[in-house]
Structures are given as C-alpha cells and as structure tokens.
Amino acid sequence: MILVTGSLAYDSIMDFPGNFSEHVMPEKVHILNVSFLVDKMHKGFGGTAGNIAYNLSLLGVKTTILAIVGADFAAYGEFLRQNEVDTSYIRTVNNLYTSNAFGITDKKDNQIWGFYTGADMLSDNLSTNEVKGKIDFGVIAPANPKAMIKFALEYQKKGTNYLFDPGMQLPWLSGADLKLGIKGAKIVIGNDYEISLMKKKMGLKETDSIGREDQIIITTLGEKGSIIHYKDVNMMIPAAVTRGASDPAGAGDAYRAGFIAGFMRGLDLEICGRMGSIASVYTVEKYGTTTHKYTTADFMRRYEENFGKKLDL
C-alpha cells in the first residue's frame, strides 16, 4: 500500500495575460496594492494529496489517502473513487470547508497562490497508525506542518520508507522540523528554490547536501528537467517535450507520482526521473491539475518518443 498524506483542495486557477513584473514596483512593495484582471479561470479538484494519488492511479499504482476534508467534499470524493483511489481514510468534518487554492499564472508561468487551509488545519489529529495493513511507502506532501512532522516521526518509528516534500509549507517549518522530516526519509524532493531554502533554514552551505549518502535527493528545475542525487552521483534528467503548454499547476505533483510509480517497481533512478518528466508534461498540457488522462500504453509510447528507449510497465 502507498499512503499519501497532504492536502485535498478545490482549485481555482486563473490566467493573467500579462507579466506580474510589469505591475509590481519593487520600491513600493511596502504599500503593495495590485489587482490582476484575468481572462481565463478553471475550477477543479486539486491539493497535493489528490494530485499525486490521481497521477499514481493513472500509472496503475493503488493508492490510499489519509486526510481531513469539509462537508463540501462529496463531488471530489466521488471523482477519486471513480479513479480507483482509496478514500476510506479521508475524514469529514461538517463545520469547516475543504481546503481551497486560488492561483494566478502570468504569461511567463510565474504564479501567485492563495490557500485557505480549511479542514486541513485539523489533520494533525490523524495518525498513520490508524491505517490497517502494511504501508509499503509513505508520501508526505505539503499540508498542515504539524501533521507532516507527526507522520514523519511515525514512519521513522515503524521503519517505513517515505518521501518528504515540504514544498509550500517551508515558510512554516523550522530548521529543526526539516531535520526531523528529512532524517528518516528515503526520498527528499523540492524545486531548486525550495532546496536552497531548506539548506538555509538548516544552517547548511549551498554546496552541502541536505541528506545522507543513502538518501535520494531530487531537485526539480521546471522546463530544464531535474537532478537526482544519490550516493554522490548527480543524474541529470531532461524534461519531456510538451505538445503545447497550457498550465503549469500540478506539474510537480505529477512528477512525484511518475517517479514513485517507477521507484515502487524497482526501476533505475534515471528511469524513475524520466517517468516523472513524462507524467508532469501531461498535466502541463491541460488546464487544471487533474484534468489530463492517459493509458499505460500512451505513457510508454510517449516515454520512448522522448528518450529513445522502451519502457515496460
């Protein structure tokens, strides 16, 4: 069983047809007051746990989500079940809304996000110990910071391998928190900015590794691909070729799912990274984070088109 913890949210994703930089005066940020007129908007299902679980399901990996949602979650829950994601450990509270994410993307794919925590503020009351059956791998995606560290400590106590992804919760995680979360992780992942911020918070130099030699450290680089660091070796993973970029939201979560799908099959790390690249490009081509779809055959064919090698899933 793969257990995914993280946020479940309704996404409102909007497109701004200009550049944020043209409307922000750096010398006036202390009195910042800007409004961006958007010309496109999509409401859909998202959140880190939902995005990752959905993409894992597309790749034939059975996934369970542990999270808390509000009374407005019914439609999202049905969507997950239709896509063969186990929702039996998703708890509902009736006095709060499900988390909501509001994102605006400009012409250069820069993004500004607002996030309403909602029911997820109670997720530190959950425990991975309530999940029946063996957890083969845990995914700790951004959500309530207290819950993230709690789950990491529980996995460490049980000896369960897990991926630690502090992501958007980095502002609220201390250096001590990060050291605890990373300590027992098999995989640590973040984009280049997030990895640098982790090092800074942990008191490390930019040239230092944030993990041990036996840990897999992944740095995603957007359209430049990613770097997988393992046992003092850096593997450069190219990005997949898009067939017309539409919306970058959710690409990071899709990469994580692609990588994990390969990792759980025991594939080489470079192949896992390439699978992450392919998975992420599918969502970039569609507006929204869970609006894309593909078959395993589609995925394998696209992998071969991009990397010139066959992939057997």
Foldseek 3Di string as FASTA:
>chain_A
DEEEEWAKAKEKEFEAAADVVVVDDVVPPVPDDDDTDTDDIDIDIDTLRLLLCLLLLQQVHAYEYAAEAEPPCVVVVVVCVVSRHHDPRYHYDHPWHGKYKYWYAYPVRDIDIDIDQIGLCPSLVDEPVVDPDDHQEYEQEHHNLNNSLRHQVVCVVVVHEYERENPPVLVVAALVSLCSNQVSHQEYEDAPVVQQSNCVRVVHDPPDHPHDQRHWYKYAHPQQAIWIHHNNDTDRAHAADAPAFDHQPQLQSQLVSQLVSCVVVVHDNNNSSLRSRLRSRQCRRDPDSNPGHDHNVRSQVSSCVGPVDGDDD
